[in-house]
């Protein structure tokens, strides 16, 4: 990529730059705000309700516009919040800095779709009909992927696309040069999440989070950096930075203060040396609902160690998502799993996840060797777990309330909501973390929570019960009661899920009926995810009336659904229904 390499010769290359979320809308929300979406009820990709910004926080483009910059965006926004009025001076296809007033400073955001996930939605016949520039037989496959002709071709084609987008970026760089602006302009090159090969985008592995980042520092503004960085341009930075740091960095370069609600710290400053940068060694990451697939995963990295907590371990990474499986390589990967033609590392994507995992990224960059159960790493696991728990409770992480409840209750001001419910969220975290302890030690406490009068305590208790599996069979009378009469349809569905997985209870008719009873699309979607997990694990087909489901799901949201991409929602449900009917 010669154009990007030319930027690197006059700037900084960041080896450890990360998106906090491995999917585009949530990542872009983080970039725009410099704050964790998980504390703002904005962590869900393709939001059913865009969330209002709290009064103390706005977007980087809004701050710069108000400070006198001409702000242009060509052209993707894709945020999970309600944008401020006049968020950009111009945001449309073809928008650029050329429409600013003479001498007006500018901030420009340029997006290319050349390497977007959708560009790998090609027919398998392309292997024969559309040869690649890169040799498929020379690519180096990740160990999680099967060594097949289709996977090698997909890798080669993805590399071809990067060569293409480099040329497209070169056009913009040359414009700045020809207009005499290059040495007055900081240029940031980065991706909005990790790669889009199977098992990357949408997952808190390094494949889904690690982004390229090059910052070209213009000659006329090198004085804004620490003196030792001015002398060390064309160098690599090993310190960890993430998307929450971008907005504070731009504000500092512009001489503006950061918001007290921003979580990040500037990484370009007069007061920040290369040694200071390289001491940064932590990153927090999260994954929740991406399109129609639910999960809840949190990651905490410190130094070379990465800790992952799977709050819904019964949901495998490979759980059906219609957009993911438009890639032929994804479909082949799953077909080979079902045919028992994968090794243990390649099969893990389609199996139940561990409750927690610990990886040594220096020795195991592809995160294939879970150290969490090895006795010599017990102390490290405890420390990393405590670090994550502290992070979640201090934010606090609003995803400990299910999305179906959160979007209605917290959408007007998530900060006020979080202040009111911080202690509740801490309690929910403690409930689900009982699943990390031996069952005999926690069963009395867990039983008390299953009998709680508070529906979200029962929700997390049922998730803990599912994590314990048949060890929790002594709770069958309580689980049966939740199945029959809980006011919360998701809790009832979780009870049915437990009974189907551990006691052979047939779930079809009950889950089909609960989907029909759902009064909002998010509750229906949560139940459909439970049905999908049972479909894949037990080979059970479900037949749910699509038209009635869509009517219940969209009409109850009224105009709010119209503001969202209704056709996308309908497509999710239709794809999921078609999938569930077949084995």
Protein backbone atom coordinates (compact mmCIF):
# COMPACT_ATOMS: atom_id res chain seq x y z
CA UNK A 1 0.00 0.00 0.00
CA UNK A 2 2.42 2.70 -1.23
CA UNK A 3 0.25 5.70 -0.41
CA UNK A 4 -0.18 4.62 3.21
CA UNK A 5 3.53 3.79 3.40
CA UNK A 6 4.34 7.33 2.25
CA UNK A 7 2.21 8.73 5.09
CA UNK A 8 4.07 6.52 7.57
CA UNK A 9 7.42 7.97 6.50
CA UNK A 10 6.34 11.38 7.81
CA UNK A 11 4.36 10.25 10.80
CA UNK A 12 3.65 7.68 13.46
CA UNK A 13 2.58 4.06 13.03
CA UNK A 14 0.61 2.62 15.95
CA UNK A 15 1.11 -1.11 16.38
CA UNK A 16 -1.55 -1.46 19.07
CA UNK A 17 -4.51 0.66 18.00
CA UNK A 18 -7.95 -0.79 18.72
CA UNK A 19 -11.59 -0.25 18.11
CA UNK A 20 -13.44 -0.76 21.38
CA UNK A 21 -16.24 -2.50 19.50
CA UNK A 22 -15.67 -4.81 16.52
CA UNK A 23 -18.51 -3.49 14.35
CA UNK A 24 -19.00 -0.27 12.40
CA UNK A 25 -21.92 1.72 13.88
CA UNK A 26 -20.80 1.16 17.46
CA UNK A 27 -17.18 1.85 16.55
CA UNK A 28 -18.14 5.08 14.77
CA UNK A 29 -20.23 6.11 17.74
CA UNK A 30 -17.12 5.69 19.92
CA UNK A 31 -14.99 7.69 17.49
CA UNK A 32 -17.50 10.52 17.31
CA UNK A 33 -17.94 10.86 21.08
CA UNK A 34 -14.72 9.70 22.73
CA UNK A 35 -16.91 7.84 25.24
CA UNK A 36 -17.86 4.21 25.70
CA UNK A 37 -21.22 3.46 24.02
CA UNK A 38 -21.81 0.76 26.66
CA UNK A 39 -22.37 3.47 29.28
CA UNK A 40 -24.70 5.40 26.96
CA UNK A 41 -27.08 2.59 25.83
CA UNK A 42 -25.51 2.89 22.36
CA UNK A 43 -23.70 -0.44 22.21
CA UNK A 44 -26.11 -2.19 19.80
CA UNK A 45 -25.33 -2.33 16.07
CA UNK A 46 -28.24 -1.10 13.94
CA UNK A 47 -30.18 0.57 16.79
CA UNK A 48 -33.92 0.14 17.06
CA UNK A 49 -33.95 3.50 18.80
CA UNK A 50 -31.22 6.11 18.43
CA UNK A 51 -30.30 7.43 21.85
CA UNK A 52 -30.28 11.11 22.81
CA UNK A 53 -26.91 12.57 23.72
CA UNK A 54 -26.53 13.73 27.31
CA UNK A 55 -26.22 17.50 27.70
CA UNK A 56 -22.57 17.31 28.71
CA UNK A 57 -21.44 15.41 25.60
CA UNK A 58 -21.46 16.05 21.87
CA UNK A 59 -19.63 14.89 18.76
CA UNK A 60 -16.16 15.86 17.69
CA UNK A 61 -17.62 17.37 14.50
CA UNK A 62 -20.10 19.46 16.52
CA UNK A 63 -17.35 20.77 18.82
CA UNK A 64 -15.13 21.67 15.86
CA UNK A 65 -17.98 23.25 13.88
CA UNK A 66 -18.82 25.50 16.80
CA UNK A 67 -15.13 26.39 17.15
CA UNK A 68 -15.10 27.73 13.58
CA UNK A 69 -13.90 24.74 11.59
CA UNK A 70 -15.53 23.73 8.33
CA UNK A 71 -16.47 20.09 8.92
CA UNK A 72 -17.20 17.77 6.00
CA UNK A 73 -18.04 14.08 5.81
CA UNK A 74 -17.99 11.95 2.68
CA UNK A 75 -20.27 10.35 3.46
CA UNK A 76 -20.99 7.64 6.03
CA UNK A 77 -22.33 8.60 9.46
CA UNK A 78 -23.88 5.42 10.88
CA UNK A 79 -24.23 6.53 14.50
CA UNK A 80 -26.26 5.02 17.32
CA UNK A 81 -27.30 8.41 18.70
CA UNK A 82 -29.52 11.29 17.61
CA UNK A 83 -27.10 13.65 15.87
CA UNK A 84 -26.88 17.27 17.01
CA UNK A 85 -28.36 19.89 14.72
CA UNK A 86 -25.71 20.99 12.20
CA UNK A 87 -23.44 18.15 13.30
CA UNK A 88 -21.45 18.63 10.10
CA UNK A 89 -21.07 21.69 7.87
CA UNK A 90 -21.64 19.24 5.01
CA UNK A 91 -22.30 15.51 5.20
CA UNK A 92 -23.15 13.91 1.87
CA UNK A 93 -21.61 12.01 -1.00
CA UNK A 94 -18.88 14.19 -2.45
CA UNK A 95 -18.65 16.52 0.55
CA UNK A 96 -15.18 18.04 0.96
CA UNK A 97 -13.22 20.91 2.46
CA UNK A 98 -13.44 22.84 -0.83
CA UNK A 99 -16.67 24.62 0.16
CA UNK A 100 -15.16 26.35 3.20
CA UNK A 101 -14.48 30.06 3.40
CA UNK A 102 -11.07 31.33 2.40
CA UNK A 103 -8.55 30.50 5.12
CA UNK A 104 -11.09 28.61 7.25
CA UNK A 105 -9.61 25.59 9.06
CA UNK A 106 -11.27 22.29 8.24
CA UNK A 107 -11.93 18.79 9.55
CA UNK A 108 -12.76 16.20 6.92
CA UNK A 109 -13.86 12.58 7.30
CA UNK A 110 -13.51 10.35 4.24
CA UNK A 111 -14.93 6.84 4.12
CA UNK A 112 -14.28 4.16 1.52
CA UNK A 113 -16.42 1.05 1.18
CA UNK A 114 -13.89 -0.76 -0.98
CA UNK A 115 -12.86 -3.11 1.83
CA UNK A 116 -16.28 -3.28 3.51
CA UNK A 117 -17.62 -6.70 4.51
CA UNK A 118 -20.17 -6.58 1.70
CA UNK A 119 -17.36 -6.67 -0.87
CA UNK A 120 -16.74 -10.30 0.12
CA UNK A 121 -20.33 -11.31 -0.66
CA UNK A 122 -19.36 -12.87 -3.97
CA UNK A 123 -20.54 -16.14 -5.54
CA UNK A 124 -18.25 -19.13 -5.18
CA UNK A 125 -18.06 -19.33 -8.97
CA UNK A 126 -15.83 -16.24 -8.91
CA UNK A 127 -12.93 -18.54 -8.06
CA UNK A 128 -13.00 -19.69 -11.67
CA UNK A 129 -14.34 -16.52 -13.31
CA UNK A 130 -12.51 -13.70 -11.53
CA UNK A 131 -8.85 -14.41 -10.80
CA UNK A 132 -7.07 -12.37 -8.11
CA UNK A 133 -3.87 -10.34 -8.30
CA UNK A 134 -2.54 -12.00 -5.17
CA UNK A 135 -1.79 -15.69 -5.46
CA UNK A 136 -4.31 -17.65 -3.32
CA UNK A 137 -1.75 -20.40 -2.81
CA UNK A 138 0.68 -17.95 -1.20
CA UNK A 139 -1.59 -16.46 1.48
CA UNK A 140 -1.04 -17.33 5.13
CA UNK A 141 -4.28 -18.49 6.75
CA UNK A 142 -5.26 -17.85 10.37
CA UNK A 143 -5.28 -21.13 12.33
CA UNK A 144 -9.03 -20.79 12.96
CA UNK A 145 -9.75 -21.12 9.23
CA UNK A 146 -9.81 -24.32 7.18
CA UNK A 147 -7.25 -24.55 4.40
CA UNK A 148 -9.60 -24.67 1.43
CA UNK A 149 -9.55 -23.20 -2.06
CA UNK A 150 -12.43 -20.88 -1.15
CA UNK A 151 -10.74 -19.51 1.98
CA UNK A 152 -7.44 -18.94 0.16
CA UNK A 153 -9.29 -17.15 -2.64
CA UNK A 154 -11.21 -15.00 -0.12
CA UNK A 155 -7.95 -13.93 1.54
CA UNK A 156 -6.37 -13.08 -1.81
CA UNK A 157 -9.39 -11.09 -2.92
CA UNK A 158 -9.41 -9.15 0.34
CA UNK A 159 -5.74 -8.25 -0.19
CA UNK A 160 -6.59 -7.09 -3.72
CA UNK A 161 -9.22 -4.75 -2.29
CA UNK A 162 -6.62 -3.16 0.00
CA UNK A 163 -4.43 -2.40 -2.99
CA UNK A 164 -7.44 -0.77 -4.64
CA UNK A 165 -8.41 1.36 -1.65
CA UNK A 166 -4.81 2.53 -1.29
CA UNK A 167 -5.05 4.04 -4.78
CA UNK A 168 -8.33 5.72 -3.86
CA UNK A 169 -6.76 7.24 -0.76
CA UNK A 170 -3.86 8.45 -2.85
CA UNK A 171 -6.26 10.66 -4.82
CA UNK A 172 -7.21 12.59 -1.66
CA UNK A 173 -3.59 12.85 -0.48
CA UNK A 174 -2.59 14.26 -3.86
CA UNK A 175 -5.43 16.81 -3.69
CA UNK A 176 -4.05 18.16 -0.44
CA UNK A 177 -0.56 18.28 -1.95
CA UNK A 178 -1.68 20.07 -5.12
CA UNK A 179 -3.66 22.63 -3.11
CA UNK A 180 -0.69 23.40 -0.87
CA UNK A 181 -2.47 22.02 2.22
CA UNK A 182 -0.51 18.87 2.93
CA UNK A 183 1.94 20.42 5.39
CA UNK A 184 -0.89 22.13 7.29
CA UNK A 185 -3.01 18.98 7.68
CA UNK A 186 -2.87 16.06 10.08
CA UNK A 187 -3.92 12.87 8.27
CA UNK A 188 -5.25 9.87 10.23
CA UNK A 189 -5.51 6.58 8.35
CA UNK A 190 -7.38 3.78 10.15
CA UNK A 191 -10.10 1.13 9.82
CA UNK A 192 -13.30 1.39 11.85
CA UNK A 193 -12.82 -2.16 13.26
CA UNK A 194 -10.64 -5.18 12.56
CA UNK A 195 -10.86 -7.19 9.36
CA UNK A 196 -13.96 -8.68 7.75
CA UNK A 197 -12.76 -12.21 7.04
CA UNK A 198 -14.90 -14.86 8.80
CA UNK A 199 -14.63 -14.69 12.57
CA UNK A 200 -13.24 -11.13 12.61
CA UNK A 201 -15.82 -8.34 12.44
CA UNK A 202 -18.29 -8.76 15.27
CA UNK A 203 -15.96 -10.55 17.71
CA UNK A 204 -13.71 -9.20 20.48
CA UNK A 205 -10.71 -11.16 19.26
CA UNK A 206 -7.72 -9.12 18.11
CA UNK A 207 -8.89 -9.94 14.56
CA UNK A 208 -12.04 -7.93 15.23
CA UNK A 209 -10.49 -5.07 17.21
CA UNK A 210 -6.93 -4.37 16.05
CA UNK A 211 -6.95 -1.59 13.44
CA UNK A 212 -4.20 -0.07 11.33
CA UNK A 213 -3.39 3.50 12.36
CA UNK A 214 -0.97 5.89 10.71
CA UNK A 215 -0.88 9.59 11.64
CA UNK A 216 1.00 11.84 9.23
CA UNK A 217 2.24 14.91 11.09
CA UNK A 218 2.49 18.06 8.91
CA UNK A 219 5.73 20.05 8.97
CA UNK A 220 3.98 23.29 9.90
CA UNK A 221 2.36 21.82 13.04
CA UNK A 222 4.98 19.48 14.43
CA UNK A 223 5.33 21.92 17.32
CA UNK A 224 2.01 20.57 18.67
CA UNK A 225 3.78 17.30 19.56
CA UNK A 226 6.32 16.56 22.28
CA UNK A 227 9.83 17.49 21.20
CA UNK A 228 11.07 13.88 21.18
CA UNK A 229 8.22 12.85 18.84
CA UNK A 230 9.08 15.73 16.53
CA UNK A 231 12.52 14.18 16.19
CA UNK A 232 11.25 10.60 15.85
CA UNK A 233 8.73 10.77 13.04
CA UNK A 234 8.57 7.66 10.88
CA UNK A 235 8.60 5.56 14.04
CA UNK A 236 6.36 2.87 15.50
CA UNK A 237 4.43 3.26 18.74
CA UNK A 238 3.87 0.15 20.87
CA UNK A 239 1.55 1.75 23.44
CA UNK A 240 -2.14 0.82 23.42
CA UNK A 241 -4.63 3.41 22.21
CA UNK A 242 -8.29 2.94 21.27
CA UNK A 243 -11.15 4.77 19.63
CA UNK A 244 -12.17 6.57 22.84
CA UNK A 245 -8.85 8.44 22.51
CA UNK A 246 -9.48 9.92 19.04
CA UNK A 247 -11.92 12.72 19.94
CA UNK A 248 -9.83 13.99 22.89
CA UNK A 249 -6.78 13.94 20.59
CA UNK A 250 -8.46 16.07 17.93
CA UNK A 251 -9.79 18.48 20.54
CA UNK A 252 -6.29 18.94 21.99
CA UNK A 253 -4.78 19.55 18.55
CA UNK A 254 -7.47 22.20 18.00
CA UNK A 255 -6.82 23.78 21.39
CA UNK A 256 -10.22 22.82 22.79
CA UNK A 257 -11.08 21.20 26.16
CA UNK A 258 -12.41 17.65 26.38
CA UNK A 259 -15.80 16.81 27.86
CA UNK A 260 -15.92 15.38 31.37
CA UNK A 261 -17.98 12.49 29.92
CA UNK A 262 -15.25 11.49 27.47
CA UNK A 263 -13.39 8.38 28.58
CA UNK A 264 -10.34 8.69 26.37
CA UNK A 265 -7.05 10.58 26.59
CA UNK A 266 -5.18 12.43 23.86
CA UNK A 267 -2.32 10.54 22.25
CA UNK A 268 -0.79 13.57 20.47
CA UNK A 269 0.31 16.31 22.84
CA UNK A 270 3.18 18.62 23.70
CA UNK A 271 3.30 16.92 27.08
CA UNK A 272 3.26 13.32 25.84
CA UNK A 273 6.59 11.72 24.95
CA UNK A 274 7.13 8.48 23.06
CA UNK A 275 8.04 6.79 26.34
CA UNK A 276 4.78 8.04 27.88
CA UNK A 277 2.80 6.69 24.92
CA UNK A 278 4.48 3.32 25.12
CA UNK A 279 3.51 2.92 28.78
CA UNK A 280 -0.18 2.78 27.87
CA UNK A 281 -1.13 -0.86 28.06
CA UNK A 282 -4.88 -1.34 28.67
CA UNK A 283 -7.94 -1.67 26.45
CA UNK A 284 -11.61 -2.36 27.12
CA UNK A 285 -13.79 -3.98 24.46
CA UNK A 286 -17.40 -5.09 24.14
CA UNK A 287 -19.77 -6.96 21.84
CA UNK A 288 -23.56 -7.09 22.19
CA UNK A 289 -26.26 -7.32 19.51
CA UNK A 290 -24.82 -7.05 16.02
CA UNK A 291 -27.65 -7.03 13.48
CA UNK A 292 -30.07 -9.75 14.64
CA UNK A 293 -27.52 -11.84 16.57
CA UNK A 294 -27.42 -11.34 20.33
CA UNK A 295 -24.39 -11.88 22.51
CA UNK A 296 -22.74 -10.15 25.46
CA UNK A 297 -18.97 -10.33 25.63
CA UNK A 298 -16.53 -8.05 27.43
CA UNK A 299 -12.78 -7.94 26.97
CA UNK A 300 -10.03 -6.42 29.08
CA UNK A 301 -6.44 -6.27 27.91
CA UNK A 302 -3.46 -5.34 30.05
CA UNK A 303 -0.02 -5.68 28.57
CA UNK A 304 0.35 -8.97 26.75
CA UNK A 305 -2.66 -10.58 28.46
CA UNK A 306 -6.22 -10.48 27.20
CA UNK A 307 -9.15 -11.51 29.41
CA UNK A 308 -12.55 -12.27 27.87
CA UNK A 309 -15.79 -12.74 29.80
CA UNK A 310 -18.64 -14.49 27.95
CA UNK A 311 -21.88 -13.61 29.74
CA UNK A 312 -23.96 -15.76 27.38
CA UNK A 313 -21.54 -18.67 26.81
CA UNK A 314 -24.27 -20.89 25.39
CA UNK A 315 -24.42 -18.59 22.33
CA UNK A 316 -21.58 -19.78 20.06
CA UNK A 317 -19.75 -17.22 17.95
CA UNK A 318 -21.08 -18.97 14.85
CA UNK A 319 -24.74 -18.40 15.80
CA UNK A 320 -26.65 -17.50 12.65
CA UNK A 321 -26.53 -13.91 11.43
CA UNK A 322 -27.88 -13.37 7.95
CA UNK A 323 -25.36 -10.73 6.87
CA UNK A 324 -22.35 -12.72 8.11
CA UNK A 325 -23.44 -15.82 6.22
CA UNK A 326 -23.67 -14.00 2.91
CA UNK A 327 -19.96 -14.73 2.69
CA UNK A 328 -19.41 -18.02 0.88
CA UNK A 329 -16.42 -18.75 3.14
CA UNK A 330 -18.61 -18.43 6.24
CA UNK A 331 -21.08 -20.92 4.80
CA UNK A 332 -18.32 -23.35 3.86
CA UNK A 333 -16.80 -23.08 7.33
CA UNK A 334 -20.08 -24.06 8.95
CA UNK A 335 -20.70 -26.84 6.43
CA UNK A 336 -17.29 -28.35 7.22
CA UNK A 337 -18.06 -28.14 10.94
CA UNK A 338 -21.34 -30.00 10.52
CA UNK A 339 -19.51 -32.59 8.41
CA UNK A 340 -16.94 -33.03 11.23
CA UNK A 341 -14.08 -32.01 8.94
CA UNK A 342 -12.47 -29.34 11.16
CA UNK A 343 -9.83 -29.59 13.85
CA UNK A 344 -10.51 -28.43 17.41
CA UNK A 345 -9.23 -24.89 16.85
CA UNK A 346 -11.32 -24.43 13.70
CA UNK A 347 -14.42 -25.99 15.34
CA UNK A 348 -14.40 -23.76 18.43
CA UNK A 349 -16.22 -20.98 16.55
CA UNK A 350 -19.38 -23.12 16.41
CA UNK A 351 -19.28 -24.50 19.95
CA UNK A 352 -20.27 -23.27 23.37
CA UNK A 353 -17.84 -20.64 24.64
CA UNK A 354 -15.97 -20.75 27.97
CA UNK A 355 -17.27 -18.51 30.74
CA UNK A 356 -13.94 -16.72 30.77
CA UNK A 357 -10.74 -16.92 28.81
CA UNK A 358 -7.19 -15.66 29.22
CA UNK A 359 -4.73 -15.38 26.35
CA UNK A 360 -1.06 -14.53 26.16
CA UNK A 361 -1.06 -12.44 22.98
CA UNK A 362 2.70 -12.55 22.55
CA UNK A 363 2.72 -16.35 22.44
CA UNK A 364 -0.80 -16.82 21.05
CA UNK A 365 -1.83 -13.86 18.86
CA UNK A 366 -4.77 -15.77 17.37
CA UNK A 367 -6.24 -16.52 20.81
CA UNK A 368 -6.49 -20.28 20.43
CA UNK A 369 -5.05 -21.42 23.81
CA UNK A 370 -7.23 -20.54 26.78
CA UNK A 371 -5.03 -20.27 29.88
CA UNK A 372 -7.88 -19.54 32.30
CA UNK A 373 -8.19 -23.10 33.60
CA UNK A 374 -4.48 -23.71 34.09
CA UNK A 375 -3.53 -23.50 37.79
CA UNK A 376 -0.39 -21.46 37.15
CA UNK A 377 -2.57 -18.65 35.74
CA UNK A 378 -5.17 -18.56 38.53
CA UNK A 379 -3.75 -15.40 40.12
CA UNK A 380 -3.56 -13.64 36.74
CA UNK A 381 -7.17 -14.58 35.94
CA UNK A 382 -8.36 -13.23 39.30
CA UNK A 383 -6.56 -9.91 38.72
CA UNK A 384 -7.83 -9.52 35.16
CA UNK A 385 -11.36 -10.46 36.21
CA UNK A 386 -11.26 -7.87 38.99
CA UNK A 387 -9.99 -5.27 36.52
CA UNK A 388 -12.92 -5.93 34.21
CA UNK A 389 -15.47 -5.95 37.04
CA UNK A 390 -14.18 -2.59 38.25
CA UNK A 391 -14.48 -1.17 34.74
CA UNK A 392 -18.04 -2.41 34.26
CA UNK A 393 -19.25 -1.16 37.61
CA UNK A 394 -17.59 2.24 37.38
CA UNK A 395 -19.00 3.11 33.95
CA UNK A 396 -21.57 1.57 34.63
CA UNK A 397 -22.21 -0.80 31.72
CA UNK A 398 -25.90 -0.38 30.84
CA UNK A 399 -26.05 -3.63 28.83
CA UNK A 400 -26.74 -5.48 32.06
CA UNK A 401 -30.29 -4.39 31.34
CA UNK A 402 -31.60 -6.18 28.22
CA UNK A 403 -31.95 -3.96 25.18
CA UNK A 404 -35.74 -4.42 25.04
CA UNK A 405 -35.99 -2.61 28.38
CA UNK A 406 -33.06 -0.25 28.00
CA UNK A 407 -34.02 1.56 24.80
CA UNK A 408 -37.34 2.72 26.18
CA UNK A 409 -36.21 3.61 29.69
CA UNK A 410 -32.76 5.12 29.09
CA UNK A 411 -32.99 6.66 25.62
CA UNK A 412 -33.79 10.22 26.72
CA UNK A 413 -30.80 10.61 29.05
CA UNK A 414 -28.63 7.53 29.61
CA UNK A 415 -26.40 9.30 32.14
CA UNK A 416 -29.31 10.09 34.46
CA UNK A 417 -30.49 6.49 34.07
CA UNK A 418 -27.05 5.11 34.91
CA UNK A 419 -26.75 7.26 38.04
CA UNK A 420 -30.09 5.93 39.28
CA UNK A 421 -29.25 2.30 38.52
CA UNK A 422 -25.50 2.03 39.20
CA UNK A 423 -26.00 -0.09 42.32
CA UNK A 424 -28.51 -2.32 40.51
CA UNK A 425 -26.01 -2.97 37.71
CA UNK A 426 -23.31 -3.84 40.25
CA UNK A 427 -25.74 -6.34 41.78
CA UNK A 428 -26.50 -7.91 38.39
CA UNK A 429 -22.76 -8.31 37.73
CA UNK A 430 -22.37 -10.09 41.06
CA UNK A 431 -25.31 -12.38 40.24
CA UNK A 432 -23.98 -13.58 36.89
CA UNK A 433 -20.45 -13.88 38.29
CA UNK A 434 -21.73 -16.56 40.66
CA UNK A 435 -21.40 -18.82 37.62
CA UNK A 436 -17.61 -18.49 37.94
CA UNK A 437 -17.67 -20.18 41.35
CA UNK A 438 -18.31 -23.83 42.27
CA UNK A 439 -22.04 -24.55 42.23
CA UNK A 440 -22.12 -25.94 45.78
CA UNK A 441 -20.67 -22.69 47.12
CA UNK A 442 -23.24 -20.40 45.52
CA UNK A 443 -26.37 -22.51 45.12
CA UNK A 444 -28.18 -21.08 48.16
CA UNK A 445 -27.55 -17.49 47.04
CA UNK A 446 -28.50 -18.36 43.47
CA UNK A 447 -31.72 -20.00 44.62
CA UNK A 448 -32.67 -16.85 46.53
CA UNK A 449 -32.15 -14.73 43.42
CA UNK A 450 -34.20 -17.10 41.26
CA UNK A 451 -37.05 -16.45 43.72
CA UNK A 452 -36.51 -12.68 43.65
CA UNK A 453 -39.41 -10.32 42.99
CA UNK A 454 -37.20 -8.28 40.64
CA UNK A 455 -37.40 -9.48 37.02
CA UNK A 456 -33.85 -8.53 36.02
CA UNK A 457 -32.37 -10.31 39.02
CA UNK A 458 -34.23 -13.42 37.85
CA UNK A 459 -32.96 -12.76 34.32
CA UNK A 460 -29.30 -12.89 35.38
CA UNK A 461 -29.96 -15.79 37.74
CA UNK A 462 -31.39 -17.79 34.81
CA UNK A 463 -28.30 -16.98 32.73
CA UNK A 464 -26.16 -18.27 35.61
CA UNK A 465 -28.28 -21.43 35.81
CA UNK A 466 -27.77 -22.00 32.07
CA UNK A 467 -24.04 -21.57 32.56
CA UNK A 468 -24.05 -24.27 35.26
CA UNK A 469 -26.01 -26.68 33.05
CA UNK A 470 -27.39 -29.85 34.64
CA UNK A 471 -25.60 -29.07 37.91
CA UNK A 472 -28.55 -26.77 38.57
CA UNK A 473 -31.19 -29.48 38.17
CA UNK A 474 -32.09 -29.23 41.84
CA UNK A 475 -33.72 -25.90 40.91
CA UNK A 476 -36.14 -27.61 38.49
CA UNK A 477 -39.30 -26.68 40.48
CA UNK A 478 -38.27 -23.00 40.46
CA UNK A 479 -37.28 -23.11 36.78
CA UNK A 480 -40.61 -24.72 35.97
CA UNK A 481 -42.41 -21.91 37.79
CA UNK A 482 -40.48 -19.29 35.80
CA UNK A 483 -41.35 -21.18 32.62
CA UNK A 484 -45.05 -21.15 33.39
CA UNK A 485 -45.71 -17.78 34.99
CA UNK A 486 -42.86 -15.25 34.90
CA UNK A 487 -44.12 -11.85 33.77
CA UNK A 488 -40.98 -11.46 31.64
CA UNK A 489 -41.16 -13.38 28.34
CA UNK A 490 -37.38 -13.56 28.03
CA UNK A 491 -37.12 -15.16 31.47
CA UNK A 492 -39.74 -17.72 30.49
CA UNK A 493 -37.82 -18.41 27.29
CA UNK A 494 -34.57 -18.89 29.21
CA UNK A 495 -36.32 -21.42 31.45
CA UNK A 496 -37.55 -23.30 28.37
CA UNK A 497 -34.01 -23.17 26.96
CA UNK A 498 -32.62 -24.71 30.14
CA UNK A 499 -35.22 -27.48 30.20
CA UNK A 500 -34.64 -28.28 26.53
CA UNK A 501 -30.87 -28.46 26.91
CA UNK A 502 -30.76 -30.36 30.19
CA UNK A 503 -34.04 -32.26 30.57
CA UNK A 504 -35.23 -33.11 27.09
CA UNK A 505 -38.29 -30.83 27.17
CA UNK A 506 -39.64 -30.02 23.71
CA UNK A 507 -39.40 -26.21 23.24
CA UNK A 508 -41.01 -25.62 19.85
CA UNK A 509 -44.63 -24.81 20.62
CA UNK A 510 -43.87 -22.75 23.72
CA UNK A 511 -41.19 -20.60 22.11
CA UNK A 512 -43.29 -20.13 18.99
CA UNK A 513 -46.15 -18.94 21.20
CA UNK A 514 -43.93 -16.60 23.25
CA UNK A 515 -42.62 -14.94 20.07
CA UNK A 516 -46.23 -14.26 19.07
CA UNK A 517 -46.92 -12.76 22.48
CA UNK A 518 -43.96 -10.37 22.28
CA UNK A 519 -45.10 -6.75 22.23
CA UNK A 520 -41.88 -5.32 20.85
CA UNK A 521 -39.34 -6.47 18.23
CA UNK A 522 -36.42 -6.69 20.64
CA UNK A 523 -38.17 -9.16 22.93
CA UNK A 524 -39.17 -11.19 19.87
CA UNK A 525 -35.59 -11.08 18.61
CA UNK A 526 -34.18 -12.24 21.96
CA UNK A 527 -36.53 -15.24 21.94
CA UNK A 528 -35.60 -16.01 18.33
CA UNK A 529 -31.94 -16.10 19.35
CA UNK A 530 -32.82 -18.67 22.01
CA UNK A 531 -34.66 -20.69 19.38
CA UNK A 532 -31.63 -20.44 17.09
CA UNK A 533 -29.28 -21.75 19.76
CA UNK A 534 -31.60 -24.73 20.32
CA UNK A 535 -31.97 -25.21 16.57
CA UNK A 536 -28.21 -25.47 16.12
CA UNK A 537 -27.49 -27.46 19.28
CA UNK A 538 -30.38 -29.93 19.31
CA UNK A 539 -31.41 -29.97 15.65
CA UNK A 540 -34.89 -28.55 16.34
CA UNK A 541 -36.93 -26.75 13.67
CA UNK A 542 -39.30 -23.89 14.49
CA UNK A 543 -42.21 -22.61 12.42
CA UNK A 544 -43.22 -19.06 13.32
CA UNK A 545 -45.71 -17.01 11.32
CA UNK A 546 -43.66 -14.29 9.69
CA UNK A 547 -46.42 -11.84 8.84
CA UNK A 548 -47.88 -11.82 12.35
CA UNK A 549 -44.39 -11.47 13.85
CA UNK A 550 -43.53 -8.49 11.67
CA UNK A 551 -46.87 -6.87 12.37
CA UNK A 552 -46.37 -7.21 16.12
CA UNK A 553 -42.74 -6.15 15.90
CA UNK A 554 -43.04 -3.00 13.82
CA UNK A 555 -46.46 -1.51 14.49
CA UNK A 556 -45.87 -1.35 18.23
CA UNK A 557 -42.82 0.90 17.67
CA UNK A 558 -44.80 3.43 15.65
CA UNK A 559 -42.80 6.23 14.08
CA UNK A 560 -39.61 5.16 15.82
CA UNK A 561 -39.45 2.12 13.59
CA UNK A 562 -39.92 4.34 10.56
CA UNK A 563 -36.85 6.33 11.54
CA UNK A 564 -34.92 3.09 11.60
CA UNK A 565 -34.32 1.01 8.48
CA UNK A 566 -37.58 -0.94 8.60
CA UNK A 567 -36.65 -3.01 5.57
CA UNK A 568 -33.50 -4.14 7.40
CA UNK A 569 -35.52 -5.27 10.41
CA UNK A 570 -37.97 -7.14 8.20
CA UNK A 571 -35.03 -8.78 6.44
CA UNK A 572 -33.55 -9.94 9.75
CA UNK A 573 -36.78 -11.60 10.82
CA UNK A 574 -37.43 -13.19 7.44
CA UNK A 575 -33.89 -14.60 7.23
CA UNK A 576 -34.12 -15.94 10.78
CA UNK A 577 -37.54 -17.53 10.15
CA UNK A 578 -36.35 -19.22 6.97
CA UNK A 579 -33.26 -20.50 8.79
CA UNK A 580 -35.21 -21.92 11.74
CA UNK A 581 -37.59 -23.90 9.53
CA UNK A 582 -34.82 -26.07 8.17
CA UNK A 583 -32.35 -28.49 9.77
